[in-house]
Amino acid sequence: LITAIQQGISGWSASLLTASTPPPNADGGGLVNAIAGSLMLTGLATAISAPLGILASVYLAEYGRRSRLAESVRFINDILLSAPSIVIGLFVYALFVAPFQHFSGWAGAIALAILQIPMIVRTTENMLRLVPDALREAAFALGAPKWKMIGAIALKAAASGIVTGCLLSVARISGETAPLLFTVLSNHFFSADLRQPMATLPVTIFQFAMSPYAQWQKLAWAGVLLMTLFI
C-alpha cells in the first residue's frame, strides 16, 4: 500500500482525469477513457446482476427452501462463486466473442455480471433467512399474500444487507482484468459504444505496467492508486 501511494502520487497530474491515454513514449495523457469505460461496464453489469441475483435469492429463501431445484441452484451458485475469473472470461469469449469475431463492451459487462451474481445470491439469501419468521407470520395473519409479504416485509428488513452484498460484488469486479482481456480487449481512445472494444482501468493498468515506457508506467501506478482509493 505504501508503494502504491508513493508511486501513484508521482503519476498524478492535472490531465489524469481529463485526458485519454497517450501514445507510446509520449508525455502527458491521462486515464479518463479507461475510467469511463470501467464505470460504464461496472454499472451495466450491476444493473444486470442485481435484479437477477435478488430474484434468485428470493426463490431460494422464500419459495424453494429445501426443494431439489433450490439445491441444484445453490450448487451451481457455489461453483460460480469459486470459479476463477479467467474461466468466466473464456466462457463468455466462446459464446459472445468468438462466434461474431468481435470484442465488445456488452461481452465484458456479461462476464462481470456472471461474476457478481453468485455473491449477490449468497448474501441476499442469507440476509432473508435472518429476517424473523414472526414478521412473516404477522403479515400472513393480516391477510397479506406471500408476494406482498416478501416485497413489503422481508426485502425491506434485509435491505441493508442486500445493499452491502451488491457493493461487495461491485468491489470484486472493479479490479478484474482477466475476463476483460477476453471480452472487451482495450481501446486507446474514448469510446462509449458498447458494441466496440473499450478501455478499462484494470486492463490499461496491466498493459501500461508491462510496457517499457516510463510515462505509461507512471500512469499505471496512478491507476493503481485511484482504484485502491475507489475500492
C-alpha atoms as a PDB file:
ATOM      1  CA  LEU A   1       0.000   0.000   0.000  1.00  0.00           C
ATOM      2  CA  ILE A   2       2.838   2.393   0.836  1.00  0.00           C
ATOM      3  CA  THR A   3       4.495   1.639  -2.509  1.00  0.00           C
ATOM      4  CA  ALA A   4       1.214   2.219  -4.351  1.00  0.00           C
ATOM      5  CA  ILE A   5       0.810   5.595  -2.646  1.00  0.00           C
ATOM      6  CA  GLN A   6       4.404   6.689  -3.276  1.00  0.00           C
ATOM      7  CA  GLN A   7       4.495   5.586  -6.913  1.00  0.00           C
ATOM      8  CA  GLY A   8       0.899   6.592  -7.603  1.00  0.00           C
ATOM      9  CA  ILE A   9       1.300  10.177  -6.443  1.00  0.00           C
ATOM     10  CA  SER A  10       4.218  10.623  -8.856  1.00  0.00           C
ATOM     11  CA  GLY A  11       1.899   9.787 -11.757  1.00  0.00           C
ATOM     12  CA  TRP A  12      -0.913  12.139 -10.743  1.00  0.00           C
ATOM     13  CA  SER A  13      -1.331  15.289 -12.804  1.00  0.00           C
ATOM     14  CA  ALA A  14      -3.995  17.747 -13.919  1.00  0.00           C
ATOM     15  CA  SER A  15      -4.612  15.706 -17.070  1.00  0.00           C
ATOM     16  CA  LEU A  16      -5.101  12.367 -15.290  1.00  0.00           C
ATOM     17  CA  LEU A  17      -8.880  12.778 -15.110  1.00  0.00           C
ATOM     18  CA  THR A  18      -9.318  14.893 -18.245  1.00  0.00           C
ATOM     19  CA  ALA A  19      -7.165  13.320 -20.988  1.00  0.00           C
ATOM     20  CA  SER A  20      -7.194   9.950 -22.690  1.00  0.00           C
ATOM     21  CA  THR A  21      -4.298   7.514 -22.636  1.00  0.00           C
ATOM     22  CA  PRO A  22      -1.268   8.843 -24.531  1.00  0.00           C
ATOM     23  CA  PRO A  23       0.523   7.141 -27.435  1.00  0.00           C
ATOM     24  CA  PRO A  24       3.737   5.220 -26.709  1.00  0.00           C
ATOM     25  CA  ASN A  25       6.687   7.249 -25.426  1.00  0.00           C
ATOM     26  CA  ALA A  26       4.672  10.491 -25.291  1.00  0.00           C
ATOM     27  CA  ASP A  27       4.444  12.900 -22.379  1.00  0.00           C
ATOM     28  CA  GLY A  28       1.233  13.814 -20.603  1.00  0.00           C
ATOM     29  CA  GLY A  29      -2.007  12.000 -21.095  1.00  0.00           C
ATOM     30  CA  GLY A  30      -4.463  10.597 -18.610  1.00  0.00           C
ATOM     31  CA  LEU A  31      -6.852   7.759 -17.892  1.00  0.00           C
ATOM     32  CA  VAL A  32     -10.253   9.326 -18.493  1.00  0.00           C
ATOM     33  CA  ASN A  33     -11.184   6.842 -21.240  1.00  0.00           C
ATOM     34  CA  ALA A  34     -10.223   3.883 -19.045  1.00  0.00           C
ATOM     35  CA  ILE A  35     -12.057   5.297 -16.014  1.00  0.00           C
ATOM     36  CA  ALA A  36     -15.198   5.989 -18.035  1.00  0.00           C
ATOM     37  CA  GLY A  37     -15.095   2.517 -19.585  1.00  0.00           C
ATOM     38  CA  SER A  38     -14.758   0.843 -16.191  1.00  0.00           C
ATOM     39  CA  LEU A  39     -17.626   2.873 -14.735  1.00  0.00           C
ATOM     40  CA  MET A  40     -19.873   2.038 -17.686  1.00  0.00           C
ATOM     41  CA  LEU A  41     -19.156  -1.689 -17.607  1.00  0.00           C
ATOM     42  CA  THR A  42     -19.424  -1.919 -13.820  1.00  0.00           C
ATOM     43  CA  GLY A  43     -22.718  -0.033 -13.819  1.00  0.00           C
ATOM     44  CA  LEU A  44     -24.170  -2.130 -16.633  1.00  0.00           C
ATOM     45  CA  ALA A  45     -23.018  -5.383 -15.046  1.00  0.00           C
ATOM     46  CA  THR A  46     -24.595  -4.369 -11.735  1.00  0.00           C
ATOM     47  CA  ALA A  47     -27.834  -3.423 -13.484  1.00  0.00           C
ATOM     48  CA  ILE A  48     -27.920  -6.932 -14.975  1.00  0.00           C
ATOM     49  CA  SER A  49     -26.770  -8.936 -11.967  1.00  0.00           C
ATOM     50  CA  ALA A  50     -28.575  -7.213  -9.086  1.00  0.00           C
ATOM     51  CA  PRO A  51     -32.171  -7.938 -10.211  1.00  0.00           C
ATOM     52  CA  LEU A  52     -31.309 -11.494 -11.281  1.00  0.00           C
ATOM     53  CA  GLY A  53     -29.397 -12.212  -8.079  1.00  0.00           C
ATOM     54  CA  ILE A  54     -32.108 -10.804  -5.815  1.00  0.00           C
ATOM     55  CA  LEU A  55     -34.886 -12.690  -7.632  1.00  0.00           C
ATOM     56  CA  ALA A  56     -32.920 -15.947  -7.428  1.00  0.00           C
ATOM     57  CA  SER A  57     -32.259 -15.475  -3.730  1.00  0.00           C
ATOM     58  CA  VAL A  58     -35.941 -14.694  -3.057  1.00  0.00           C
ATOM     59  CA  TYR A  59     -36.846 -18.020  -4.649  1.00  0.00           C
ATOM     60  CA  LEU A  60     -34.206 -19.868  -2.627  1.00  0.00           C
ATOM     61  CA  ALA A  61     -35.143 -18.270   0.698  1.00  0.00           C
ATOM     62  CA  GLU A  62     -38.912 -17.915   0.380  1.00  0.00           C
ATOM     63  CA  TYR A  63     -40.193 -20.439  -2.169  1.00  0.00           C
ATOM     64  CA  GLY A  64     -37.652 -23.177  -2.870  1.00  0.00           C
ATOM     65  CA  ARG A  65     -36.202 -23.745   0.582  1.00  0.00           C
ATOM     66  CA  ARG A  66     -35.178 -27.432   0.530  1.00  0.00           C
ATOM     67  CA  SER A  67     -36.565 -28.406  -2.881  1.00  0.00           C
ATOM     68  CA  ARG A  68     -34.402 -30.243  -5.393  1.00  0.00           C
ATOM     69  CA  LEU A  69     -34.393 -27.282  -7.751  1.00  0.00           C
ATOM     70  CA  ALA A  70     -33.238 -24.969  -4.961  1.00  0.00           C
ATOM     71  CA  GLU A  71     -30.439 -27.344  -4.005  1.00  0.00           C
ATOM     72  CA  SER A  72     -29.345 -27.505  -7.657  1.00  0.00           C
ATOM     73  CA  VAL A  73     -29.360 -23.709  -7.912  1.00  0.00           C
ATOM     74  CA  ARG A  74     -27.280 -23.413  -4.732  1.00  0.00           C
ATOM     75  CA  PHE A  75     -24.808 -25.989  -6.057  1.00  0.00           C
ATOM     76  CA  ILE A  76     -24.385 -24.133  -9.357  1.00  0.00           C
ATOM     77  CA  ASN A  77     -24.112 -20.834  -7.486  1.00  0.00           C
ATOM     78  CA  ASP A  78     -21.329 -22.223  -5.272  1.00  0.00           C
ATOM     79  CA  ILE A  79     -19.452 -23.412  -8.369  1.00  0.00           C
ATOM     80  CA  LEU A  80     -19.683 -19.962  -9.958  1.00  0.00           C
ATOM     81  CA  LEU A  81     -18.685 -18.330  -6.675  1.00  0.00           C
ATOM     82  CA  SER A  82     -15.405 -20.261  -6.584  1.00  0.00           C
ATOM     83  CA  ALA A  83     -14.708 -20.255 -10.337  1.00  0.00           C
ATOM     84  CA  PRO A  84     -11.581 -18.340 -11.453  1.00  0.00           C
ATOM     85  CA  SER A  85     -12.451 -15.150 -13.279  1.00  0.00           C
ATOM     86  CA  ILE A  86     -10.384 -16.167 -16.294  1.00  0.00           C
ATOM     87  CA  VAL A  87     -12.634 -19.216 -16.741  1.00  0.00           C
ATOM     88  CA  ILE A  88     -15.683 -16.945 -16.814  1.00  0.00           C
ATOM     89  CA  GLY A  89     -13.901 -14.752 -19.339  1.00  0.00           C
ATOM     90  CA  LEU A  90     -13.144 -17.714 -21.599  1.00  0.00           C
ATOM     91  CA  PHE A  91     -16.750 -18.909 -21.292  1.00  0.00           C
ATOM     92  CA  VAL A  92     -18.131 -15.539 -22.398  1.00  0.00           C
ATOM     93  CA  TYR A  93     -15.472 -15.329 -25.119  1.00  0.00           C
ATOM     94  CA  ALA A  94     -16.622 -18.664 -26.542  1.00  0.00           C
ATOM     95  CA  LEU A  95     -20.288 -17.617 -26.525  1.00  0.00           C
ATOM     96  CA  PHE A  96     -20.292 -13.915 -27.386  1.00  0.00           C
ATOM     97  CA  VAL A  97     -16.922 -13.004 -28.914  1.00  0.00           C
ATOM     98  CA  ALA A  98     -15.620 -15.913 -30.986  1.00  0.00           C
ATOM     99  CA  PRO A  99     -18.864 -16.562 -32.946  1.00  0.00           C
ATOM    100  CA  PHE A 100     -19.038 -12.894 -34.004  1.00  0.00           C
ATOM    101  CA  GLN A 101     -15.246 -12.423 -34.200  1.00  0.00           C
ATOM    102  CA  HIS A 102     -15.625  -9.101 -32.424  1.00  0.00           C
ATOM    103  CA  PHE A 103     -14.781  -7.786 -28.949  1.00  0.00           C
ATOM    104  CA  SER A 104     -17.385  -5.549 -27.327  1.00  0.00           C
ATOM    105  CA  GLY A 105     -18.383  -3.806 -24.133  1.00  0.00           C
ATOM    106  CA  TRP A 106     -21.523  -5.929 -23.939  1.00  0.00           C
ATOM    107  CA  ALA A 107     -19.458  -9.103 -23.686  1.00  0.00           C
ATOM    108  CA  GLY A 108     -17.393  -7.572 -20.893  1.00  0.00           C
ATOM    109  CA  ALA A 109     -20.499  -6.492 -18.979  1.00  0.00           C
ATOM    110  CA  ILE A 110     -21.938 -10.010 -19.240  1.00  0.00           C
ATOM    111  CA  ALA A 111     -18.701 -11.525 -17.934  1.00  0.00           C
ATOM    112  CA  LEU A 112     -18.644  -9.141 -14.974  1.00  0.00           C
ATOM    113  CA  ALA A 113     -22.334  -9.781 -14.272  1.00  0.00           C
ATOM    114  CA  ILE A 114     -21.698 -13.537 -14.113  1.00  0.00           C
ATOM    115  CA  LEU A 115     -19.012 -12.850 -11.515  1.00  0.00           C
ATOM    116  CA  GLN A 116     -21.374 -10.655  -9.500  1.00  0.00           C
ATOM    117  CA  ILE A 117     -24.483 -12.833  -9.441  1.00  0.00           C
ATOM    118  CA  PRO A 118     -23.171 -15.589  -7.098  1.00  0.00           C
ATOM    119  CA  MET A 119     -22.107 -13.058  -4.447  1.00  0.00           C
ATOM    120  CA  ILE A 120     -25.447 -11.255  -4.590  1.00  0.00           C
ATOM    121  CA  VAL A 121     -27.395 -14.527  -4.435  1.00  0.00           C
ATOM    122  CA  ARG A 122     -25.454 -15.837  -1.443  1.00  0.00           C
ATOM    123  CA  THR A 123     -25.586 -12.555   0.501  1.00  0.00           C
ATOM    124  CA  THR A 124     -29.253 -11.843  -0.190  1.00  0.00           C
ATOM    125  CA  GLU A 125     -30.365 -15.376   0.661  1.00  0.00           C
ATOM    126  CA  ASN A 126     -28.501 -15.254   3.969  1.00  0.00           C
ATOM    127  CA  MET A 127     -29.997 -11.876   4.844  1.00  0.00           C
ATOM    128  CA  LEU A 128     -33.532 -13.052   4.007  1.00  0.00           C
ATOM    129  CA  ARG A 129     -33.060 -16.092   6.238  1.00  0.00           C
ATOM    130  CA  LEU A 130     -32.133 -13.766   9.111  1.00  0.00           C
ATOM    131  CA  VAL A 131     -35.494 -11.996   8.897  1.00  0.00           C
ATOM    132  CA  PRO A 132     -37.563 -13.230  11.892  1.00  0.00           C
ATOM    133  CA  ASP A 133     -40.402 -15.601  10.988  1.00  0.00           C
ATOM    134  CA  ALA A 134     -42.597 -13.593  13.350  1.00  0.00           C
ATOM    135  CA  LEU A 135     -42.658 -10.763  10.803  1.00  0.00           C
ATOM    136  CA  ARG A 136     -43.797 -13.143   8.077  1.00  0.00           C
ATOM    137  CA  GLU A 137     -46.457 -14.674  10.298  1.00  0.00           C
ATOM    138  CA  ALA A 138     -47.742 -11.237  11.279  1.00  0.00           C
ATOM    139  CA  ALA A 139     -48.098 -10.282   7.606  1.00  0.00           C
ATOM    140  CA  PHE A 140     -49.950 -13.518   6.829  1.00  0.00           C
ATOM    141  CA  ALA A 141     -52.211 -13.002   9.860  1.00  0.00           C
ATOM    142  CA  LEU A 142     -53.241  -9.635   8.425  1.00  0.00           C
ATOM    143  CA  GLY A 143     -54.187 -11.333   5.156  1.00  0.00           C
ATOM    144  CA  ALA A 144     -51.200 -10.227   3.074  1.00  0.00           C
ATOM    145  CA  PRO A 145     -50.350 -12.555   0.167  1.00  0.00           C
ATOM    146  CA  LYS A 146     -46.883 -14.049   0.067  1.00  0.00           C
ATOM    147  CA  TRP A 147     -45.609 -11.840  -2.744  1.00  0.00           C
ATOM    148  CA  LYS A 148     -46.659  -8.730  -0.826  1.00  0.00           C
ATOM    149  CA  MET A 149     -45.069 -10.021   2.368  1.00  0.00           C
ATOM    150  CA  ILE A 150     -41.790 -10.549   0.511  1.00  0.00           C
ATOM    151  CA  GLY A 151     -41.782  -7.079  -1.040  1.00  0.00           C
ATOM    152  CA  ALA A 152     -43.091  -5.092   1.912  1.00  0.00           C
ATOM    153  CA  ILE A 153     -41.609  -7.014   4.839  1.00  0.00           C
ATOM    154  CA  ALA A 154     -38.773  -9.430   4.025  1.00  0.00           C
ATOM    155  CA  LEU A 155     -36.878  -7.376   1.446  1.00  0.00           C
ATOM    156  CA  LYS A 156     -37.243  -4.155   3.443  1.00  0.00           C
ATOM    157  CA  ALA A 157     -35.976  -5.837   6.612  1.00  0.00           C
ATOM    158  CA  ALA A 158     -32.972  -7.235   4.723  1.00  0.00           C
ATOM    159  CA  ALA A 159     -32.345  -4.108   2.619  1.00  0.00           C
ATOM    160  CA  SER A 160     -29.132  -3.010   4.342  1.00  0.00           C
ATOM    161  CA  GLY A 161     -27.549  -6.451   3.950  1.00  0.00           C
ATOM    162  CA  ILE A 162     -28.636  -6.684   0.319  1.00  0.00           C
ATOM    163  CA  VAL A 163     -27.088  -3.295  -0.474  1.00  0.00           C
ATOM    164  CA  THR A 164     -23.884  -4.366   1.282  1.00  0.00           C
ATOM    165  CA  GLY A 165     -23.739  -7.536  -0.810  1.00  0.00           C
ATOM    166  CA  CYS A 166     -24.207  -5.557  -4.015  1.00  0.00           C
ATOM    167  CA  LEU A 167     -21.439  -3.127  -3.032  1.00  0.00           C
ATOM    168  CA  LEU A 168     -19.094  -6.018  -2.225  1.00  0.00           C
ATOM    169  CA  SER A 169     -19.789  -7.532  -5.638  1.00  0.00           C
ATOM    170  CA  VAL A 170     -19.004  -4.173  -7.259  1.00  0.00           C
ATOM    171  CA  ALA A 171     -15.716  -4.029  -5.349  1.00  0.00           C
ATOM    172  CA  ARG A 172     -14.855  -7.508  -6.572  1.00  0.00           C
ATOM    173  CA  ILE A 173     -15.396  -6.870 -10.274  1.00  0.00           C
ATOM    174  CA  SER A 174     -13.831  -3.395 -10.233  1.00  0.00           C
ATOM    175  CA  GLY A 175     -10.330  -4.861 -10.281  1.00  0.00           C
ATOM    176  CA  GLU A 176     -10.927  -7.812 -12.605  1.00  0.00           C
ATOM    177  CA  THR A 177      -8.579  -7.916 -15.576  1.00  0.00           C
ATOM    178  CA  ALA A 178      -8.627 -11.456 -16.990  1.00  0.00           C
ATOM    179  CA  PRO A 179     -12.269 -11.599 -18.142  1.00  0.00           C
ATOM    180  CA  LEU A 180     -11.980  -8.178 -19.787  1.00  0.00           C
ATOM    181  CA  LEU A 181      -8.910  -9.204 -21.777  1.00  0.00           C
ATOM    182  CA  PHE A 182     -11.007 -11.894 -23.467  1.00  0.00           C
ATOM    183  CA  THR A 183     -14.165  -9.844 -23.979  1.00  0.00           C
ATOM    184  CA  VAL A 184     -13.597  -6.076 -24.162  1.00  0.00           C
ATOM    185  CA  LEU A 185      -9.894  -6.069 -25.107  1.00  0.00           C
ATOM    186  CA  SER A 186      -8.861  -2.381 -24.996  1.00  0.00           C
ATOM    187  CA  ASN A 187      -9.037   0.959 -26.753  1.00  0.00           C
ATOM    188  CA  HIS A 188      -6.607   3.884 -26.599  1.00  0.00           C
ATOM    189  CA  PHE A 189      -9.384   6.314 -27.497  1.00  0.00           C
ATOM    190  CA  PHE A 190     -12.518   7.368 -25.653  1.00  0.00           C
ATOM    191  CA  SER A 191     -15.480   5.231 -26.675  1.00  0.00           C
ATOM    192  CA  ALA A 192     -18.949   4.929 -25.159  1.00  0.00           C
ATOM    193  CA  ASP A 193     -20.120   2.448 -27.808  1.00  0.00           C
ATOM    194  CA  LEU A 194     -20.774  -0.864 -26.054  1.00  0.00           C
ATOM    195  CA  ARG A 195     -20.658  -2.642 -29.403  1.00  0.00           C
ATOM    196  CA  GLN A 196     -16.959  -1.837 -29.776  1.00  0.00           C
ATOM    197  CA  PRO A 197     -13.786  -2.582 -27.762  1.00  0.00           C
ATOM    198  CA  MET A 198     -13.456  -0.216 -24.808  1.00  0.00           C
ATOM    199  CA  ALA A 199     -10.704   0.944 -22.492  1.00  0.00           C
ATOM    200  CA  THR A 200     -10.987  -0.209 -18.879  1.00  0.00           C
ATOM    201  CA  LEU A 201      -8.853   0.730 -15.910  1.00  0.00           C
ATOM    202  CA  PRO A 202      -7.665  -2.787 -14.909  1.00  0.00           C
ATOM    203  CA  VAL A 203      -6.631  -3.719 -18.464  1.00  0.00           C
ATOM    204  CA  THR A 204      -4.951  -0.343 -19.021  1.00  0.00           C
ATOM    205  CA  ILE A 205      -3.008  -0.731 -15.773  1.00  0.00           C
ATOM    206  CA  PHE A 206      -1.883  -4.202 -16.848  1.00  0.00           C
ATOM    207  CA  GLN A 207      -0.793  -3.070 -20.311  1.00  0.00           C
ATOM    208  CA  PHE A 208       0.964   0.075 -19.120  1.00  0.00           C
ATOM    209  CA  ALA A 209       2.716  -1.665 -16.217  1.00  0.00           C
ATOM    210  CA  MET A 210       4.185  -4.247 -18.617  1.00  0.00           C
ATOM    211  CA  SER A 211       5.336  -1.628 -21.135  1.00  0.00           C
ATOM    212  CA  PRO A 212       8.891  -0.219 -21.389  1.00  0.00           C
ATOM    213  CA  TYR A 213       7.679   3.403 -21.493  1.00  0.00           C
ATOM    214  CA  ALA A 214       8.214   5.493 -18.351  1.00  0.00           C
ATOM    215  CA  GLN A 215       5.102   7.654 -18.820  1.00  0.00           C
ATOM    216  CA  TRP A 216       2.880   4.592 -19.245  1.00  0.00           C
ATOM    217  CA  GLN A 217       4.356   3.084 -16.087  1.00  0.00           C
ATOM    218  CA  LYS A 218       3.632   6.295 -14.152  1.00  0.00           C
ATOM    219  CA  LEU A 219       0.039   6.242 -15.377  1.00  0.00           C
ATOM    220  CA  ALA A 220      -0.227   2.590 -14.356  1.00  0.00           C
ATOM    221  CA  TRP A 221       0.809   3.454 -10.794  1.00  0.00           C
ATOM    222  CA  ALA A 222      -1.613   6.385 -10.780  1.00  0.00           C
ATOM    223  CA  GLY A 223      -4.356   3.996 -11.880  1.00  0.00           C
ATOM    224  CA  VAL A 224      -3.447   1.567  -9.096  1.00  0.00           C
ATOM    225  CA  LEU A 225      -3.740   4.333  -6.503  1.00  0.00           C
ATOM    226  CA  LEU A 226      -7.016   5.549  -7.997  1.00  0.00           C
ATOM    227  CA  MET A 227      -8.523   2.058  -7.938  1.00  0.00           C
ATOM    228  CA  THR A 228      -7.303   1.475  -4.377  1.00  0.00           C
ATOM    229  CA  LEU A 229      -8.987   4.675  -3.215  1.00  0.00           C
ATOM    230  CA  PHE A 230     -12.191   3.759  -5.040  1.00  0.00           C
ATOM    231  CA  ILE A 231     -12.436   0.238  -3.652  1.00  0.00           C
END
